[in-house]
Amino acid sequence: MKKVAIITLAFNKLEEATKPYLKSLYQFTDTDMFDLILVNNGSTDETQKFIEDFASDKSNIIIIENSENLGYSKGNNIGIKEIIDKNYEYIGFLIMIFCLLQIGWKIHWMRLILIKV
């Protein structure tokens, strides 16, 4: 089965967005279905340390650290460049400030976020 590449940007808001998003993603999604390309877009709070700790026991997270906030488009483009030559069937974009996932969310994800490669 081909995996989905999910690209997500992080910028500060550790408690309000990053922690709840990542915890819900990993609680309600089969990790065999996706790889997470997590672009830390120049966070100045504790986001980078949390991301590194969170990813330490997960084999499906690729962390990209930007030294400054490059904005939404450039941040996503950096994520796309990381996975462009890999064997993904779909690329998805999730905005963590808007996404707290729940049981059954993956049933709907193909209609909502995915771009066929």
C-alpha atoms as a PDB file:
ATOM      1  CA  MET A   1       0.000   0.000   0.000  1.00  0.00           C
ATOM      2  CA  LYS A   2       1.300   3.426  -0.913  1.00  0.00           C
ATOM      3  CA  LYS A   3       1.361   5.979   1.847  1.00  0.00           C
ATOM      4  CA  VAL A   4       0.009   9.496   1.960  1.00  0.00           C
ATOM      5  CA  ALA A   5       2.451  12.306   2.672  1.00  0.00           C
ATOM      6  CA  ILE A   6       0.888  14.826   5.053  1.00  0.00           C
ATOM      7  CA  ILE A   7       2.614  18.195   5.095  1.00  0.00           C
ATOM      8  CA  THR A   8       1.979  20.354   8.144  1.00  0.00           C
ATOM      9  CA  LEU A   9       3.528  23.644   9.199  1.00  0.00           C
ATOM     10  CA  ALA A  10       4.227  24.613  12.795  1.00  0.00           C
ATOM     11  CA  PHE A  11       4.830  28.141  14.047  1.00  0.00           C
ATOM     12  CA  ASN A  12       4.714  28.725  17.789  1.00  0.00           C
ATOM     13  CA  LYS A  13       1.320  28.078  19.443  1.00  0.00           C
ATOM     14  CA  LEU A  14       2.697  24.916  21.041  1.00  0.00           C
ATOM     15  CA  GLU A  15      -0.080  24.449  23.604  1.00  0.00           C
ATOM     16  CA  GLU A  16      -2.902  25.825  21.449  1.00  0.00           C
ATOM     17  CA  ALA A  17      -2.147  24.002  18.196  1.00  0.00           C
ATOM     18  CA  THR A  18       0.939  21.816  17.873  1.00  0.00           C
ATOM     19  CA  LYS A  19       0.445  19.477  20.849  1.00  0.00           C
ATOM     20  CA  PRO A  20      -3.297  18.872  20.375  1.00  0.00           C
ATOM     21  CA  TYR A  21      -2.943  18.418  16.610  1.00  0.00           C
ATOM     22  CA  LEU A  22      -0.083  15.905  16.798  1.00  0.00           C
ATOM     23  CA  LYS A  23      -1.676  13.959  19.632  1.00  0.00           C
ATOM     24  CA  SER A  24      -5.001  13.714  17.793  1.00  0.00           C
ATOM     25  CA  LEU A  25      -3.327  12.779  14.492  1.00  0.00           C
ATOM     26  CA  TYR A  26      -1.455   9.889  16.109  1.00  0.00           C
ATOM     27  CA  GLN A  27      -4.377   8.819  18.277  1.00  0.00           C
ATOM     28  CA  PHE A  28      -6.899   8.534  15.443  1.00  0.00           C
ATOM     29  CA  THR A  29      -4.808   7.609  12.391  1.00  0.00           C
ATOM     30  CA  ASP A  30      -3.097   4.360  11.468  1.00  0.00           C
ATOM     31  CA  THR A  31       0.580   5.272  11.191  1.00  0.00           C
ATOM     32  CA  ASP A  32       1.057   2.753   8.387  1.00  0.00           C
ATOM     33  CA  MET A  33      -1.132   4.983   6.193  1.00  0.00           C
ATOM     34  CA  PHE A  34       0.941   8.170   6.227  1.00  0.00           C
ATOM     35  CA  ASP A  35       4.229   9.945   6.675  1.00  0.00           C
ATOM     36  CA  LEU A  36       4.168  13.330   8.360  1.00  0.00           C
ATOM     37  CA  ILE A  37       6.394  16.023   6.940  1.00  0.00           C
ATOM     38  CA  LEU A  38       6.464  18.540   9.760  1.00  0.00           C
ATOM     39  CA  VAL A  39       7.906  21.919   8.820  1.00  0.00           C
ATOM     40  CA  ASN A  40       8.773  24.025  11.849  1.00  0.00           C
ATOM     41  CA  ASN A  41       8.537  27.457  10.304  1.00  0.00           C
ATOM     42  CA  GLY A  42      10.888  29.381  12.586  1.00  0.00           C
ATOM     43  CA  SER A  43       9.115  28.863  15.911  1.00  0.00           C
ATOM     44  CA  THR A  44      10.567  30.862  18.801  1.00  0.00           C
ATOM     45  CA  ASP A  45       8.814  29.052  21.651  1.00  0.00           C
ATOM     46  CA  GLU A  46       9.359  25.437  22.778  1.00  0.00           C
ATOM     47  CA  THR A  47       7.809  23.987  19.601  1.00  0.00           C
ATOM     48  CA  GLN A  48      11.053  22.625  18.139  1.00  0.00           C
ATOM     49  CA  LYS A  49      11.996  20.749  21.328  1.00  0.00           C
ATOM     50  CA  PHE A  50       8.506  19.283  21.635  1.00  0.00           C
ATOM     51  CA  ILE A  51       8.520  18.183  17.988  1.00  0.00           C
ATOM     52  CA  GLU A  52      11.897  16.478  18.370  1.00  0.00           C
ATOM     53  CA  ASP A  53      10.785  14.692  21.546  1.00  0.00           C
ATOM     54  CA  PHE A  54       7.444  13.690  20.010  1.00  0.00           C
ATOM     55  CA  ALA A  55       9.117  12.318  16.870  1.00  0.00           C
ATOM     56  CA  SER A  56      11.838  10.408  18.724  1.00  0.00           C
ATOM     57  CA  ASP A  57       9.846   7.156  18.844  1.00  0.00           C
ATOM     58  CA  LYS A  58       7.995   7.514  15.537  1.00  0.00           C
ATOM     59  CA  SER A  59       9.422   6.264  12.265  1.00  0.00           C
ATOM     60  CA  ASN A  60       7.020   8.159  10.007  1.00  0.00           C
ATOM     61  CA  ILE A  61       7.925  11.778  10.844  1.00  0.00           C
ATOM     62  CA  ILE A  62      10.305  13.910   8.813  1.00  0.00           C
ATOM     63  CA  ILE A  63      11.150  17.191  10.564  1.00  0.00           C
ATOM     64  CA  ILE A  64      12.264  20.221   8.599  1.00  0.00           C
ATOM     65  CA  GLU A  65      13.514  23.186  10.610  1.00  0.00           C
ATOM     66  CA  ASN A  66      13.393  26.646   9.034  1.00  0.00           C
ATOM     67  CA  SER A  67      15.468  29.281  10.793  1.00  0.00           C
ATOM     68  CA  GLU A  68      12.775  31.882  10.119  1.00  0.00           C
ATOM     69  CA  ASN A  69       9.080  31.983   9.315  1.00  0.00           C
ATOM     70  CA  LEU A  70       8.923  31.713   5.530  1.00  0.00           C
ATOM     71  CA  GLY A  71       5.140  31.918   5.373  1.00  0.00           C
ATOM     72  CA  TYR A  72       2.544  29.349   4.452  1.00  0.00           C
ATOM     73  CA  SER A  73       3.326  28.900   0.747  1.00  0.00           C
ATOM     74  CA  LYS A  74       7.112  28.714   1.030  1.00  0.00           C
ATOM     75  CA  GLY A  75       6.886  26.466   4.083  1.00  0.00           C
ATOM     76  CA  ASN A  76       4.659  24.022   2.200  1.00  0.00           C
ATOM     77  CA  ASN A  77       6.906  24.200  -0.857  1.00  0.00           C
ATOM     78  CA  ILE A  78       9.864  23.148   1.301  1.00  0.00           C
ATOM     79  CA  GLY A  79       7.804  20.175   2.496  1.00  0.00           C
ATOM     80  CA  ILE A  80       6.908  19.269  -1.085  1.00  0.00           C
ATOM     81  CA  LYS A  81      10.566  19.399  -2.142  1.00  0.00           C
ATOM     82  CA  GLU A  82      11.391  16.921   0.630  1.00  0.00           C
ATOM     83  CA  ILE A  83       9.002  14.275  -0.707  1.00  0.00           C
ATOM     84  CA  ILE A  84       8.716  14.989  -4.442  1.00  0.00           C
ATOM     85  CA  ASP A  85      10.839  12.023  -5.560  1.00  0.00           C
ATOM     86  CA  LYS A  86       9.408   9.553  -3.078  1.00  0.00           C
ATOM     87  CA  ASN A  87       6.720   7.017  -3.875  1.00  0.00           C
ATOM     88  CA  TYR A  88       3.614   8.726  -2.454  1.00  0.00           C
ATOM     89  CA  GLU A  89       0.268   8.323  -4.124  1.00  0.00           C
ATOM     90  CA  TYR A  90      -1.173  11.450  -2.513  1.00  0.00           C
ATOM     91  CA  ILE A  91       0.084  14.589  -0.821  1.00  0.00           C
ATOM     92  CA  GLY A  92      -2.141  16.120   1.837  1.00  0.00           C
ATOM     93  CA  PHE A  93      -1.937  19.466   3.595  1.00  0.00           C
ATOM     94  CA  LEU A  94      -3.309  19.858   7.117  1.00  0.00           C
ATOM     95  CA  ILE A  95      -3.403  23.185   8.923  1.00  0.00           C
ATOM     96  CA  MET A  96      -2.903  22.260  12.549  1.00  0.00           C
ATOM     97  CA  ILE A  97      -4.672  25.248  14.041  1.00  0.00           C
ATOM     98  CA  PHE A  98      -7.880  24.041  12.353  1.00  0.00           C
ATOM     99  CA  CYS A  99      -7.445  20.272  12.737  1.00  0.00           C
ATOM    100  CA  LEU A 100      -8.265  18.339  15.839  1.00  0.00           C
ATOM    101  CA  LEU A 101      -8.958  14.898  14.486  1.00  0.00           C
ATOM    102  CA  GLN A 102     -11.420  12.362  15.801  1.00  0.00           C
ATOM    103  CA  ILE A 103     -12.422   8.759  15.221  1.00  0.00           C
ATOM    104  CA  GLY A 104     -13.394   8.130  11.602  1.00  0.00           C
ATOM    105  CA  TRP A 105     -11.744  11.234  10.182  1.00  0.00           C
ATOM    106  CA  LYS A 106      -9.654   9.276   7.672  1.00  0.00           C
ATOM    107  CA  ILE A 107     -12.817   8.039   5.952  1.00  0.00           C
ATOM    108  CA  HIS A 108     -13.318  11.588   4.708  1.00  0.00           C
ATOM    109  CA  TRP A 109      -9.752  12.729   4.156  1.00  0.00           C
ATOM    110  CA  MET A 110      -9.528  11.842   0.471  1.00  0.00           C
ATOM    111  CA  ARG A 111     -12.360  14.262  -0.310  1.00  0.00           C
ATOM    112  CA  LEU A 112     -10.931  17.030   1.840  1.00  0.00           C
ATOM    113  CA  ILE A 113      -7.185  17.382   1.643  1.00  0.00           C
ATOM    114  CA  LEU A 114      -5.473  15.162  -0.875  1.00  0.00           C
ATOM    115  CA  ILE A 115      -3.809  15.897  -4.177  1.00  0.00           C
ATOM    116  CA  LYS A 116      -3.079  12.904  -6.431  1.00  0.00           C
ATOM    117  CA  VAL A 117       0.612  12.806  -7.353  1.00  0.00           C
END
